[in-house]
Amino acid sequence: MNFYIKKNSTLPVLKYEITKDIINEYSLTHEMIMGCAVTFSMINKENNSFVIANKPGDIVINEDGQNIMNQGKYLLCYKFSELDTKKTGYYHGEFKVDFIYPENCGKLTLPNNENINIFITDSITKTTLV
């Protein structure tokens, strides 16, 4: 998965879909997914140093608010800050999902068999709101 954002930008929001395959592979339930904590981390691939380490992320049920679990479209989301995107470069990102549902505690790192390749590209403008 490739994700592009401009230097000093906060949008677009990074989204990673929890597919039906992931739900089935890990026997995830709606209660487990809605009762979890999500964090996001990102490393600089040039020197393997953390730029973002376990900052809070979100989980969303589809943009239009429908419960579409049967289609497997829960989204893990992270909104970048200007500090997160202050340096151009190539990065890898991942989500950590901590399930805190009493009967099913555990951790899951996503994606589990690929990378989220994040490219922060140069921008010719920078604005400051007054």
C-alpha atoms as a PDB file:
ATOM      1  CA  MET A   1       0.000   0.000   0.000  1.00  0.00           C
ATOM      2  CA  ASN A   2       1.355   3.417  -0.966  1.00  0.00           C
ATOM      3  CA  PHE A   3       0.285   6.651   0.723  1.00  0.00           C
ATOM      4  CA  TYR A   4       1.322  10.142  -0.363  1.00  0.00           C
ATOM      5  CA  ILE A   5       1.173  13.365   1.631  1.00  0.00           C
ATOM      6  CA  LYS A   6       2.819  16.749   1.138  1.00  0.00           C
ATOM      7  CA  LYS A   7       5.352  18.247   3.526  1.00  0.00           C
ATOM      8  CA  ASN A   8       3.722  20.226   6.397  1.00  0.00           C
ATOM      9  CA  SER A   9       0.283  18.801   5.554  1.00  0.00           C
ATOM     10  CA  THR A  10      -2.257  17.171   7.845  1.00  0.00           C
ATOM     11  CA  LEU A  11      -4.500  15.732   5.154  1.00  0.00           C
ATOM     12  CA  PRO A  12      -5.359  13.318   3.677  1.00  0.00           C
ATOM     13  CA  VAL A  13      -6.036  10.978   6.569  1.00  0.00           C
ATOM     14  CA  LEU A  14      -4.218   7.645   6.290  1.00  0.00           C
ATOM     15  CA  LYS A  15      -6.764   4.807   6.151  1.00  0.00           C
ATOM     16  CA  TYR A  16      -6.172   1.070   6.303  1.00  0.00           C
ATOM     17  CA  GLU A  17      -9.112  -1.268   5.757  1.00  0.00           C
ATOM     18  CA  ILE A  18      -9.719  -4.226   8.038  1.00  0.00           C
ATOM     19  CA  THR A  19     -10.934  -6.559   5.320  1.00  0.00           C
ATOM     20  CA  LYS A  20     -13.322  -9.464   5.649  1.00  0.00           C
ATOM     21  CA  ASP A  21     -10.299 -11.767   5.214  1.00  0.00           C
ATOM     22  CA  ILE A  22      -8.577 -10.208   8.245  1.00  0.00           C
ATOM     23  CA  ILE A  23     -11.796 -10.444  10.264  1.00  0.00           C
ATOM     24  CA  ASN A  24     -12.137 -14.133   9.400  1.00  0.00           C
ATOM     25  CA  GLU A  25      -8.438 -14.998   9.838  1.00  0.00           C
ATOM     26  CA  TYR A  26      -8.305 -13.564  13.360  1.00  0.00           C
ATOM     27  CA  SER A  27     -11.920 -14.374  14.332  1.00  0.00           C
ATOM     28  CA  LEU A  28     -12.648 -10.732  15.057  1.00  0.00           C
ATOM     29  CA  THR A  29     -16.105  -9.721  16.230  1.00  0.00           C
ATOM     30  CA  HIS A  30     -17.809  -6.358  16.101  1.00  0.00           C
ATOM     31  CA  GLU A  31     -17.488  -6.096  19.891  1.00  0.00           C
ATOM     32  CA  MET A  32     -13.746  -6.794  19.731  1.00  0.00           C
ATOM     33  CA  ILE A  33     -13.192  -4.224  16.997  1.00  0.00           C
ATOM     34  CA  MET A  34     -15.278  -1.528  18.659  1.00  0.00           C
ATOM     35  CA  GLY A  35     -13.649  -2.245  22.045  1.00  0.00           C
ATOM     36  CA  CYS A  36     -10.036  -1.774  20.994  1.00  0.00           C
ATOM     37  CA  ALA A  37      -7.313   0.846  21.233  1.00  0.00           C
ATOM     38  CA  VAL A  38      -5.528   1.835  18.018  1.00  0.00           C
ATOM     39  CA  THR A  39      -2.066   3.381  17.747  1.00  0.00           C
ATOM     40  CA  PHE A  40       0.084   4.292  14.764  1.00  0.00           C
ATOM     41  CA  SER A  41       3.855   4.265  14.308  1.00  0.00           C
ATOM     42  CA  MET A  42       6.069   5.379  11.424  1.00  0.00           C
ATOM     43  CA  ILE A  43       9.800   4.919  10.811  1.00  0.00           C
ATOM     44  CA  ASN A  44      12.144   6.727   8.465  1.00  0.00           C
ATOM     45  CA  LYS A  45      13.416   4.097   6.018  1.00  0.00           C
ATOM     46  CA  GLU A  46      16.679   5.988   5.484  1.00  0.00           C
ATOM     47  CA  ASN A  47      17.891   5.460   9.060  1.00  0.00           C
ATOM     48  CA  ASN A  48      15.180   3.256  10.674  1.00  0.00           C
ATOM     49  CA  SER A  49      14.421   5.892  13.299  1.00  0.00           C
ATOM     50  CA  PHE A  50      10.922   6.475  14.654  1.00  0.00           C
ATOM     51  CA  VAL A  51       9.175   9.615  13.509  1.00  0.00           C
ATOM     52  CA  ILE A  52       5.893   8.584  15.117  1.00  0.00           C
ATOM     53  CA  ALA A  53       5.784   6.071  17.962  1.00  0.00           C
ATOM     54  CA  ASN A  54       2.444   4.727  19.179  1.00  0.00           C
ATOM     55  CA  LYS A  55       0.390   7.866  18.655  1.00  0.00           C
ATOM     56  CA  PRO A  56      -3.382   7.421  18.977  1.00  0.00           C
ATOM     57  CA  GLY A  57      -5.275   6.379  15.886  1.00  0.00           C
ATOM     58  CA  ASP A  58      -8.962   5.776  15.260  1.00  0.00           C
ATOM     59  CA  ILE A  59     -11.231   3.046  14.013  1.00  0.00           C
ATOM     60  CA  VAL A  60     -14.165   4.024  11.816  1.00  0.00           C
ATOM     61  CA  ILE A  61     -17.130   2.064  10.504  1.00  0.00           C
ATOM     62  CA  ASN A  62     -17.336   3.249   6.886  1.00  0.00           C
ATOM     63  CA  GLU A  63     -17.546   6.929   5.966  1.00  0.00           C
ATOM     64  CA  ASP A  64     -21.337   6.954   5.691  1.00  0.00           C
ATOM     65  CA  GLY A  65     -21.765   5.547   9.217  1.00  0.00           C
ATOM     66  CA  GLN A  66     -23.388   2.255   8.246  1.00  0.00           C
ATOM     67  CA  ASN A  67     -22.501  -0.925  10.061  1.00  0.00           C
ATOM     68  CA  ILE A  68     -21.126  -2.923   7.177  1.00  0.00           C
ATOM     69  CA  MET A  69     -19.141  -5.536   9.090  1.00  0.00           C
ATOM     70  CA  ASN A  70     -20.361  -8.227   6.721  1.00  0.00           C
ATOM     71  CA  GLN A  71     -18.426  -6.441   3.981  1.00  0.00           C
ATOM     72  CA  GLY A  72     -15.392  -6.064   6.236  1.00  0.00           C
ATOM     73  CA  LYS A  73     -14.972  -2.335   5.877  1.00  0.00           C
ATOM     74  CA  TYR A  74     -13.734  -1.131   9.212  1.00  0.00           C
ATOM     75  CA  LEU A  75     -11.031   1.481   8.719  1.00  0.00           C
ATOM     76  CA  LEU A  76      -7.999   2.154  10.872  1.00  0.00           C
ATOM     77  CA  CYS A  77      -7.203   5.861  10.555  1.00  0.00           C
ATOM     78  CA  TYR A  78      -4.397   8.227  11.438  1.00  0.00           C
ATOM     79  CA  LYS A  79      -4.463  12.005  10.961  1.00  0.00           C
ATOM     80  CA  PHE A  80      -0.991  13.458  10.556  1.00  0.00           C
ATOM     81  CA  SER A  81       0.164  16.611  12.335  1.00  0.00           C
ATOM     82  CA  GLU A  82       2.417  19.206  10.704  1.00  0.00           C
ATOM     83  CA  LEU A  83       5.204  17.938  12.959  1.00  0.00           C
ATOM     84  CA  ASP A  84       4.719  14.411  11.550  1.00  0.00           C
ATOM     85  CA  THR A  85       5.188  15.667   7.982  1.00  0.00           C
ATOM     86  CA  LYS A  86       7.925  18.253   8.466  1.00  0.00           C
ATOM     87  CA  LYS A  87      10.586  16.217   6.621  1.00  0.00           C
ATOM     88  CA  THR A  88      10.288  14.781   3.128  1.00  0.00           C
ATOM     89  CA  GLY A  89      11.229  11.159   2.623  1.00  0.00           C
ATOM     90  CA  TYR A  90      10.218   7.522   2.454  1.00  0.00           C
ATOM     91  CA  TYR A  91       8.669   5.917   5.533  1.00  0.00           C
ATOM     92  CA  HIS A  92       6.980   2.716   6.692  1.00  0.00           C
ATOM     93  CA  GLY A  93       3.917   2.865   8.903  1.00  0.00           C
ATOM     94  CA  GLU A  94       1.879   0.353  10.860  1.00  0.00           C
ATOM     95  CA  PHE A  95      -1.121   0.203  13.140  1.00  0.00           C
ATOM     96  CA  LYS A  96      -1.171  -1.634  16.464  1.00  0.00           C
ATOM     97  CA  VAL A  97      -4.610  -2.795  17.584  1.00  0.00           C
ATOM     98  CA  ASP A  98      -4.947  -3.654  21.273  1.00  0.00           C
ATOM     99  CA  PHE A  99      -8.099  -5.664  21.913  1.00  0.00           C
ATOM    100  CA  ILE A 100      -9.342  -4.961  25.406  1.00  0.00           C
ATOM    101  CA  TYR A 101     -12.580  -6.907  25.176  1.00  0.00           C
ATOM    102  CA  PRO A 102     -12.458  -9.041  28.359  1.00  0.00           C
ATOM    103  CA  GLU A 103     -12.726 -12.465  26.717  1.00  0.00           C
ATOM    104  CA  ASN A 104     -10.383 -11.680  23.829  1.00  0.00           C
ATOM    105  CA  CYS A 105      -7.444  -9.579  24.996  1.00  0.00           C
ATOM    106  CA  GLY A 106      -4.498  -9.425  22.622  1.00  0.00           C
ATOM    107  CA  LYS A 107      -2.546  -7.355  20.114  1.00  0.00           C
ATOM    108  CA  LEU A 108      -2.555  -7.296  16.335  1.00  0.00           C
ATOM    109  CA  THR A 109      -0.179  -5.393  14.042  1.00  0.00           C
ATOM    110  CA  LEU A 110      -1.549  -4.335  10.673  1.00  0.00           C
ATOM    111  CA  PRO A 111      -0.687  -4.714   7.962  1.00  0.00           C
ATOM    112  CA  ASN A 112       0.701  -8.124   8.821  1.00  0.00           C
ATOM    113  CA  ASN A 113       2.117  -9.222   5.458  1.00  0.00           C
ATOM    114  CA  GLU A 114       2.877  -5.966   3.636  1.00  0.00           C
ATOM    115  CA  ASN A 115       4.034  -2.443   4.359  1.00  0.00           C
ATOM    116  CA  ILE A 116       2.305   0.892   4.395  1.00  0.00           C
ATOM    117  CA  ASN A 117       4.765   2.868   2.285  1.00  0.00           C
ATOM    118  CA  ILE A 118       4.455   6.540   3.135  1.00  0.00           C
ATOM    119  CA  PHE A 119       5.935   9.176   0.869  1.00  0.00           C
ATOM    120  CA  ILE A 120       6.184  12.727   2.186  1.00  0.00           C
ATOM    121  CA  THR A 121       6.851  14.887  -0.844  1.00  0.00           C
ATOM    122  CA  ASP A 122       8.016  18.480  -1.061  1.00  0.00           C
ATOM    123  CA  SER A 123       5.547  21.333  -1.099  1.00  0.00           C
ATOM    124  CA  ILE A 124       6.069  24.778  -2.556  1.00  0.00           C
ATOM    125  CA  THR A 125       3.804  26.517  -0.022  1.00  0.00           C
ATOM    126  CA  LYS A 126       3.403  26.742   3.731  1.00  0.00           C
ATOM    127  CA  THR A 127       0.598  28.621   5.441  1.00  0.00           C
ATOM    128  CA  THR A 128       0.042  29.784   8.976  1.00  0.00           C
ATOM    129  CA  LEU A 129      -3.477  30.591  10.142  1.00  0.00           C
ATOM    130  CA  VAL A 130      -3.793  33.791  12.135  1.00  0.00           C
END
